[in-house]
Amino acid sequence: MAVSTIVNMKNEKVGEMDLNDSLFGVEVRPYVLHDIVKMQMANRRAGTACTKTRAEVRGSSAKPYRQKGTGRARAGSRRSPVWRGGGTTFGPKPRSYAYKLPKKVRKLGLRMALSARMAEERLCILDEFKLDAIKTKNFIGIMKTLELDNALIVVPSHDDVLERSSRNVPGFKVLPSAGLNVYDILLHKNVILLQSTIGQLEERLLS
């Protein structure tokens, strides 16, 4: 097992912790991470693009002019796709782009992403992260003390004070452990785990 240092908000060492190699020492396979991020981005797509067919656009259904004798190409409707203002042929319609990878693959990807940050020495474990009030200045001060300018902060559960203190600071994001995902881990240079989240992640990802 790897041994990691536990620090407090003043960046002082307060202890050590053995980390499970099954969670923080997994061999990283980039193609697995790529597949998971691709799935996450597809699931976020709105899929709201919509065009009108010739049956849906506004316009008369009458034949615009007689079939023969005008010298022009025959036409049966002003809503034809070849006419200006006509319908669109094979245009996009609202749809869902979402799909799912197997649960085992998603869990493996999370373990790989955490292992990658651990191997890069960009994983920080805090004993606790408590703010007395919603104050962005206090949050920035703690991040400067920890010498971090970009980080994903993983907390045991929803923390309104911490989330609202950090939401206007570029490069930082606060997530409950239940919402931890591969995209956000890879998007941020560093990962800050509260000591109490380690057990939750082991229960979630190793079961």
C-alpha atoms as a PDB file:
ATOM      1  CA  MET A   1       0.000   0.000   0.000  1.00  0.00           C
ATOM      2  CA  ALA A   2       1.124   3.544  -0.769  1.00  0.00           C
ATOM      3  CA  VAL A   3       1.510   5.907   2.156  1.00  0.00           C
ATOM      4  CA  SER A   4       0.168   9.447   1.744  1.00  0.00           C
ATOM      5  CA  THR A   5       0.618  12.462   3.982  1.00  0.00           C
ATOM      6  CA  ILE A   6      -2.444  14.072   5.542  1.00  0.00           C
ATOM      7  CA  VAL A   7      -2.298  17.854   5.879  1.00  0.00           C
ATOM      8  CA  ASN A   8      -4.554  20.490   7.402  1.00  0.00           C
ATOM      9  CA  MET A   9      -5.754  23.784   5.917  1.00  0.00           C
ATOM     10  CA  LYS A  10      -2.505  25.424   7.045  1.00  0.00           C
ATOM     11  CA  ASN A  11      -0.548  22.910   4.943  1.00  0.00           C
ATOM     12  CA  GLU A  12       0.885  21.311   8.082  1.00  0.00           C
ATOM     13  CA  LYS A  13       1.398  17.553   8.267  1.00  0.00           C
ATOM     14  CA  VAL A  14      -1.023  16.010  10.748  1.00  0.00           C
ATOM     15  CA  GLY A  15      -0.603  12.321   9.951  1.00  0.00           C
ATOM     16  CA  GLU A  16      -0.177   9.589   7.359  1.00  0.00           C
ATOM     17  CA  MET A  17      -2.595   7.221   5.676  1.00  0.00           C
ATOM     18  CA  ASP A  18      -2.232   3.906   3.863  1.00  0.00           C
ATOM     19  CA  LEU A  19      -3.980   4.030   0.501  1.00  0.00           C
ATOM     20  CA  ASN A  20      -5.405   0.931  -1.121  1.00  0.00           C
ATOM     21  CA  ASP A  21      -3.455  -0.015  -4.253  1.00  0.00           C
ATOM     22  CA  SER A  22      -6.679  -1.322  -5.805  1.00  0.00           C
ATOM     23  CA  LEU A  23      -7.949   2.266  -5.778  1.00  0.00           C
ATOM     24  CA  PHE A  24      -4.843   4.447  -6.062  1.00  0.00           C
ATOM     25  CA  GLY A  25      -2.311   2.113  -7.673  1.00  0.00           C
ATOM     26  CA  VAL A  26      -4.097   0.873 -10.789  1.00  0.00           C
ATOM     27  CA  GLU A  27      -2.307   0.687 -14.140  1.00  0.00           C
ATOM     28  CA  VAL A  28      -3.596   3.545 -16.309  1.00  0.00           C
ATOM     29  CA  ARG A  29      -4.904   2.647 -19.770  1.00  0.00           C
ATOM     30  CA  PRO A  30      -5.600   5.854 -21.716  1.00  0.00           C
ATOM     31  CA  TYR A  31      -8.144   4.272 -24.056  1.00  0.00           C
ATOM     32  CA  VAL A  32     -10.422   3.442 -21.112  1.00  0.00           C
ATOM     33  CA  LEU A  33     -10.315   7.048 -19.892  1.00  0.00           C
ATOM     34  CA  HIS A  34     -10.947   8.258 -23.443  1.00  0.00           C
ATOM     35  CA  ASP A  35     -14.033   6.061 -23.815  1.00  0.00           C
ATOM     36  CA  ILE A  36     -15.479   7.282 -20.510  1.00  0.00           C
ATOM     37  CA  VAL A  37     -14.869  10.980 -21.225  1.00  0.00           C
ATOM     38  CA  LYS A  38     -16.385  10.533 -24.681  1.00  0.00           C
ATOM     39  CA  MET A  39     -19.478   8.982 -23.055  1.00  0.00           C
ATOM     40  CA  GLN A  40     -19.748  11.824 -20.522  1.00  0.00           C
ATOM     41  CA  MET A  41     -19.511  14.488 -23.224  1.00  0.00           C
ATOM     42  CA  ALA A  42     -22.118  12.697 -25.355  1.00  0.00           C
ATOM     43  CA  ASN A  43     -24.485  12.503 -22.373  1.00  0.00           C
ATOM     44  CA  ARG A  44     -24.151  16.267 -21.882  1.00  0.00           C
ATOM     45  CA  ARG A  45     -25.191  17.109 -25.446  1.00  0.00           C
ATOM     46  CA  ALA A  46     -28.516  18.896 -25.598  1.00  0.00           C
ATOM     47  CA  GLY A  47     -29.682  17.317 -28.842  1.00  0.00           C
ATOM     48  CA  THR A  48     -32.178  20.140 -29.417  1.00  0.00           C
ATOM     49  CA  ALA A  49     -31.315  20.974 -33.049  1.00  0.00           C
ATOM     50  CA  CYS A  50     -34.503  20.913 -35.105  1.00  0.00           C
ATOM     51  CA  THR A  51     -35.391  21.663 -38.731  1.00  0.00           C
ATOM     52  CA  LYS A  52     -38.752  21.602 -40.496  1.00  0.00           C
ATOM     53  CA  THR A  53     -39.605  19.176 -43.264  1.00  0.00           C
ATOM     54  CA  ARG A  54     -41.722  20.126 -46.270  1.00  0.00           C
ATOM     55  CA  ALA A  55     -44.768  18.938 -44.316  1.00  0.00           C
ATOM     56  CA  GLU A  56     -44.059  21.372 -41.468  1.00  0.00           C
ATOM     57  CA  VAL A  57     -43.005  24.640 -43.135  1.00  0.00           C
ATOM     58  CA  ARG A  58     -45.554  27.338 -43.783  1.00  0.00           C
ATOM     59  CA  GLY A  59     -46.825  27.710 -47.324  1.00  0.00           C
ATOM     60  CA  SER A  60     -49.564  26.858 -49.791  1.00  0.00           C
ATOM     61  CA  SER A  61     -50.106  23.320 -50.957  1.00  0.00           C
ATOM     62  CA  ALA A  62     -51.394  24.569 -54.321  1.00  0.00           C
ATOM     63  CA  LYS A  63     -49.393  23.915 -57.452  1.00  0.00           C
ATOM     64  CA  PRO A  64     -47.492  27.218 -58.064  1.00  0.00           C
ATOM     65  CA  TYR A  65     -48.006  27.233 -61.857  1.00  0.00           C
ATOM     66  CA  ARG A  66     -49.225  24.917 -64.589  1.00  0.00           C
ATOM     67  CA  GLN A  67     -47.274  21.808 -65.475  1.00  0.00           C
ATOM     68  CA  LYS A  68     -46.438  22.625 -69.096  1.00  0.00           C
ATOM     69  CA  GLY A  69     -45.910  25.561 -71.360  1.00  0.00           C
ATOM     70  CA  THR A  70     -44.023  27.953 -69.052  1.00  0.00           C
ATOM     71  CA  GLY A  71     -40.512  26.886 -69.994  1.00  0.00           C
ATOM     72  CA  ARG A  72     -39.711  26.336 -66.311  1.00  0.00           C
ATOM     73  CA  ALA A  73     -39.059  23.126 -64.449  1.00  0.00           C
ATOM     74  CA  ARG A  74     -42.231  21.462 -63.217  1.00  0.00           C
ATOM     75  CA  ALA A  75     -43.135  22.235 -59.599  1.00  0.00           C
ATOM     76  CA  GLY A  76     -45.834  20.792 -57.368  1.00  0.00           C
ATOM     77  CA  SER A  77     -45.393  22.773 -54.156  1.00  0.00           C
ATOM     78  CA  ARG A  78     -43.853  25.967 -52.814  1.00  0.00           C
ATOM     79  CA  ARG A  79     -42.709  23.958 -49.774  1.00  0.00           C
ATOM     80  CA  SER A  80     -40.387  21.784 -51.825  1.00  0.00           C
ATOM     81  CA  PRO A  81     -36.799  21.600 -50.468  1.00  0.00           C
ATOM     82  CA  VAL A  82     -35.439  22.952 -53.756  1.00  0.00           C
ATOM     83  CA  TRP A  83     -37.335  26.218 -53.269  1.00  0.00           C
ATOM     84  CA  ARG A  84     -36.238  29.075 -51.055  1.00  0.00           C
ATOM     85  CA  GLY A  85     -38.263  28.929 -47.866  1.00  0.00           C
ATOM     86  CA  GLY A  86     -39.067  25.269 -48.439  1.00  0.00           C
ATOM     87  CA  GLY A  87     -38.523  22.363 -46.086  1.00  0.00           C
ATOM     88  CA  THR A  88     -35.213  20.762 -45.202  1.00  0.00           C
ATOM     89  CA  THR A  89     -34.306  17.313 -46.470  1.00  0.00           C
ATOM     90  CA  PHE A  90     -32.937  14.898 -43.829  1.00  0.00           C
ATOM     91  CA  GLY A  91     -32.333  17.749 -41.364  1.00  0.00           C
ATOM     92  CA  PRO A  92     -31.657  17.217 -37.637  1.00  0.00           C
ATOM     93  CA  LYS A  93     -34.484  16.491 -35.215  1.00  0.00           C
ATOM     94  CA  PRO A  94     -34.420  16.535 -31.388  1.00  0.00           C
ATOM     95  CA  ARG A  95     -32.698  13.395 -30.120  1.00  0.00           C
ATOM     96  CA  SER A  96     -30.683  12.036 -27.233  1.00  0.00           C
ATOM     97  CA  TYR A  97     -26.984  11.310 -27.736  1.00  0.00           C
ATOM     98  CA  ALA A  98     -26.698   9.559 -24.367  1.00  0.00           C
ATOM     99  CA  TYR A  99     -25.351   6.048 -24.007  1.00  0.00           C
ATOM    100  CA  LYS A 100     -23.849   4.017 -21.181  1.00  0.00           C
ATOM    101  CA  LEU A 101     -20.694   2.007 -20.751  1.00  0.00           C
ATOM    102  CA  PRO A 102     -20.741  -1.023 -18.421  1.00  0.00           C
ATOM    103  CA  LYS A 103     -20.645  -0.152 -14.713  1.00  0.00           C
ATOM    104  CA  LYS A 104     -17.389  -2.093 -14.260  1.00  0.00           C
ATOM    105  CA  VAL A 105     -15.706   0.030 -16.945  1.00  0.00           C
ATOM    106  CA  ARG A 106     -16.915   3.281 -15.343  1.00  0.00           C
ATOM    107  CA  LYS A 107     -15.596   2.193 -11.931  1.00  0.00           C
ATOM    108  CA  LEU A 108     -12.281   1.126 -13.483  1.00  0.00           C
ATOM    109  CA  GLY A 109     -11.966   4.517 -15.181  1.00  0.00           C
ATOM    110  CA  LEU A 110     -12.421   6.350 -11.877  1.00  0.00           C
ATOM    111  CA  ARG A 111      -9.764   4.187 -10.225  1.00  0.00           C
ATOM    112  CA  MET A 112      -7.403   4.843 -13.130  1.00  0.00           C
ATOM    113  CA  ALA A 113      -7.969   8.603 -13.003  1.00  0.00           C
ATOM    114  CA  LEU A 114      -7.280   8.700  -9.249  1.00  0.00           C
ATOM    115  CA  SER A 115      -4.228   6.486  -9.726  1.00  0.00           C
ATOM    116  CA  ALA A 116      -2.916   8.827 -12.427  1.00  0.00           C
ATOM    117  CA  ARG A 117      -3.141  11.839 -10.099  1.00  0.00           C
ATOM    118  CA  MET A 118      -1.527   9.801  -7.324  1.00  0.00           C
ATOM    119  CA  ALA A 119       1.374   8.786  -9.584  1.00  0.00           C
ATOM    120  CA  GLU A 120       1.874  12.411 -10.622  1.00  0.00           C
ATOM    121  CA  GLU A 121       1.920  13.463  -6.937  1.00  0.00           C
ATOM    122  CA  ARG A 122      -1.053  15.720  -7.573  1.00  0.00           C
ATOM    123  CA  LEU A 123      -3.312  14.096  -4.992  1.00  0.00           C
ATOM    124  CA  CYS A 124      -3.700  15.975  -1.702  1.00  0.00           C
ATOM    125  CA  ILE A 125      -5.474  14.581   1.371  1.00  0.00           C
ATOM    126  CA  LEU A 126      -6.935  17.090   3.840  1.00  0.00           C
ATOM    127  CA  ASP A 127      -8.054  16.189   7.337  1.00  0.00           C
ATOM    128  CA  GLU A 128     -11.011  18.588   7.004  1.00  0.00           C
ATOM    129  CA  PHE A 129     -12.126  21.649   5.038  1.00  0.00           C
ATOM    130  CA  LYS A 130     -14.422  23.883   7.036  1.00  0.00           C
ATOM    131  CA  LEU A 131     -15.287  27.522   6.424  1.00  0.00           C
ATOM    132  CA  ASP A 132     -17.158  29.536   9.043  1.00  0.00           C
ATOM    133  CA  ALA A 133     -18.957  31.664   6.464  1.00  0.00           C
ATOM    134  CA  ILE A 134     -19.417  32.051   2.719  1.00  0.00           C
ATOM    135  CA  LYS A 135     -16.293  34.014   1.911  1.00  0.00           C
ATOM    136  CA  THR A 136     -14.410  33.716  -1.372  1.00  0.00           C
ATOM    137  CA  LYS A 137     -11.407  35.548   0.073  1.00  0.00           C
ATOM    138  CA  ASN A 138     -11.003  32.899   2.778  1.00  0.00           C
ATOM    139  CA  PHE A 139     -11.183  30.111   0.220  1.00  0.00           C
ATOM    140  CA  ILE A 140      -8.521  31.747  -1.962  1.00  0.00           C
ATOM    141  CA  GLY A 141      -6.297  32.202   1.087  1.00  0.00           C
ATOM    142  CA  ILE A 142      -6.476  28.489   1.925  1.00  0.00           C
ATOM    143  CA  MET A 143      -5.663  27.511  -1.666  1.00  0.00           C
ATOM    144  CA  LYS A 144      -2.625  29.806  -1.627  1.00  0.00           C
ATOM    145  CA  THR A 145      -1.504  28.200   1.627  1.00  0.00           C
ATOM    146  CA  LEU A 146      -1.832  24.772   0.014  1.00  0.00           C
ATOM    147  CA  GLU A 147       0.059  26.154  -3.025  1.00  0.00           C
ATOM    148  CA  LEU A 148      -2.640  25.086  -5.472  1.00  0.00           C
ATOM    149  CA  ASP A 149      -3.995  27.174  -8.346  1.00  0.00           C
ATOM    150  CA  ASN A 150      -6.227  24.539  -9.933  1.00  0.00           C
ATOM    151  CA  ALA A 151      -7.955  21.684  -8.116  1.00  0.00           C
ATOM    152  CA  LEU A 152     -10.990  19.457  -7.811  1.00  0.00           C
ATOM    153  CA  ILE A 153     -12.126  19.297  -4.175  1.00  0.00           C
ATOM    154  CA  VAL A 154     -13.963  16.104  -3.229  1.00  0.00           C
ATOM    155  CA  VAL A 155     -16.080  16.343  -0.058  1.00  0.00           C
ATOM    156  CA  PRO A 156     -18.144  13.643   1.720  1.00  0.00           C
ATOM    157  CA  SER A 157     -21.483  15.319   1.019  1.00  0.00           C
ATOM    158  CA  HIS A 158     -23.007  18.549  -0.241  1.00  0.00           C
ATOM    159  CA  ASP A 159     -21.335  21.550   1.461  1.00  0.00           C
ATOM    160  CA  ASP A 160     -23.197  24.748   0.575  1.00  0.00           C
ATOM    161  CA  VAL A 161     -20.730  27.095   2.316  1.00  0.00           C
ATOM    162  CA  LEU A 162     -17.688  25.639   0.560  1.00  0.00           C
ATOM    163  CA  GLU A 163     -19.388  25.396  -2.828  1.00  0.00           C
ATOM    164  CA  ARG A 164     -20.615  29.000  -2.758  1.00  0.00           C
ATOM    165  CA  SER A 165     -17.243  30.271  -1.517  1.00  0.00           C
ATOM    166  CA  SER A 166     -15.416  28.610  -4.420  1.00  0.00           C
ATOM    167  CA  ARG A 167     -17.833  28.944  -7.335  1.00  0.00           C
ATOM    168  CA  ASN A 168     -16.460  32.298  -8.557  1.00  0.00           C
ATOM    169  CA  VAL A 169     -12.813  31.196  -8.391  1.00  0.00           C
ATOM    170  CA  PRO A 170     -11.560  29.971 -11.795  1.00  0.00           C
ATOM    171  CA  GLY A 171      -9.888  26.581 -11.832  1.00  0.00           C
ATOM    172  CA  PHE A 172     -11.624  25.147  -8.745  1.00  0.00           C
ATOM    173  CA  LYS A 173     -14.644  22.909  -8.335  1.00  0.00           C
ATOM    174  CA  VAL A 174     -16.242  21.279  -5.293  1.00  0.00           C
ATOM    175  CA  LEU A 175     -17.931  17.887  -5.740  1.00  0.00           C
ATOM    176  CA  PRO A 176     -19.508  15.434  -3.291  1.00  0.00           C
ATOM    177  CA  SER A 177     -17.857  12.008  -3.498  1.00  0.00           C
ATOM    178  CA  ALA A 178     -21.038  10.536  -5.018  1.00  0.00           C
ATOM    179  CA  GLY A 179     -20.628  12.871  -8.027  1.00  0.00           C
ATOM    180  CA  LEU A 180     -16.938  12.190  -8.648  1.00  0.00           C
ATOM    181  CA  ASN A 181     -16.296  11.504 -12.326  1.00  0.00           C
ATOM    182  CA  VAL A 182     -13.405  10.936 -14.729  1.00  0.00           C
ATOM    183  CA  TYR A 183     -13.928  14.122 -16.757  1.00  0.00           C
ATOM    184  CA  ASP A 184     -13.606  16.459 -13.760  1.00  0.00           C
ATOM    185  CA  ILE A 185     -10.573  14.589 -12.397  1.00  0.00           C
ATOM    186  CA  LEU A 186      -8.745  14.923 -15.724  1.00  0.00           C
ATOM    187  CA  LEU A 187      -9.909  18.514 -16.226  1.00  0.00           C
ATOM    188  CA  HIS A 188      -8.211  19.728 -13.030  1.00  0.00           C
ATOM    189  CA  LYS A 189      -4.478  19.567 -12.367  1.00  0.00           C
ATOM    190  CA  ASN A 190      -4.871  18.505  -8.744  1.00  0.00           C
ATOM    191  CA  VAL A 191      -7.343  16.505  -6.682  1.00  0.00           C
ATOM    192  CA  ILE A 192      -8.032  17.314  -3.023  1.00  0.00           C
ATOM    193  CA  LEU A 193      -9.642  14.487  -1.072  1.00  0.00           C
ATOM    194  CA  LEU A 194     -10.985  14.945   2.414  1.00  0.00           C
ATOM    195  CA  GLN A 195      -9.871  12.129   4.682  1.00  0.00           C
ATOM    196  CA  SER A 196     -13.461  11.096   5.291  1.00  0.00           C
ATOM    197  CA  THR A 197     -14.087  10.576   1.557  1.00  0.00           C
ATOM    198  CA  ILE A 198     -11.496   7.806   1.188  1.00  0.00           C
ATOM    199  CA  GLY A 199     -13.745   5.213   2.832  1.00  0.00           C
ATOM    200  CA  GLN A 200     -16.711   6.322   0.712  1.00  0.00           C
ATOM    201  CA  LEU A 201     -14.688   5.942  -2.488  1.00  0.00           C
ATOM    202  CA  GLU A 202     -13.449   2.492  -1.454  1.00  0.00           C
ATOM    203  CA  GLU A 203     -16.997   1.382  -0.745  1.00  0.00           C
ATOM    204  CA  ARG A 204     -18.240   2.782  -4.046  1.00  0.00           C
ATOM    205  CA  LEU A 205     -15.435   1.698  -6.364  1.00  0.00           C
ATOM    206  CA  LEU A 206     -14.181  -1.557  -4.855  1.00  0.00           C
ATOM    207  CA  SER A 207     -17.503  -3.226  -4.133  1.00  0.00           C
END
